[in-house]
Amino acid sequence: MHTVQEPMIVGVGGTVRPDSSSERALRAVLGAVRAHGARTELFTARDLDFAMYEPDLAHRSPSATAFLDAVRRADGVLISTPGYHGGLSGLLKNALDYLQDLADDDRPYLHGRAVGCIVSAYGPQAGVTTLTSLRSTVHALRGWPTPLGVVVDSTAQPFAADGRVADRKLAAQLATVAEQVARFATAEIRTVA
């Protein structure tokens, strides 16, 4: 009898402010993904503090190498970014640019992987614009954005002081993204096995 392994989901957060709403949302989704039986690995701003991406550079820092190795192993990815003037954070965009190093892999970039997209912004307009930008970037990297993308309106103070999701609607949306990424990753593993 063949045993199906637990899927590996990598979470990537792109804000330098510790305990920000985008990081809290990412941690909540990763917790929900684990409840679906997945293993997780988290990369926050301090883990993504790479030099600006230079395609022709042969050497990568240990932190960039760890990030690239995690994405190589990933069956699914969760990306959470603040919305800065209608786009993703520069820190996160730089990390995603490093995925160019995976171009010649058997599974290049984010090929064949579900990617849950989460944006936290000060108001819904900036969030929706950034979500569209993030989903376009994921498509360009051959990933499959989940049907539901989540916009966290940080003006509504959706998190409790201890970091828990206080807004029921947001909690349900984050749970849905977690389920979509986990189910797709599990289905992909079964197909490969």
Foldseek 3Di string as FASTA:
>chain_A
DDDFAAFEEEEEEEDPDPLDPLVLLSVLLVVLLVVLVHHYHYAYLVLLPFDQDDPPDPDGDPSLVVLLVSLVRHLAYEYTAEQDPLEGDPSVVRSLVSLVVQCPPPQGQNAQAEYAAEYEYQDDVSQVSHSVRVCVSCVVSNHHYFPAHYYHNCVVVQADPVSHGNDPVSSVSSSVSSVRRSVSSSVVSVVVD
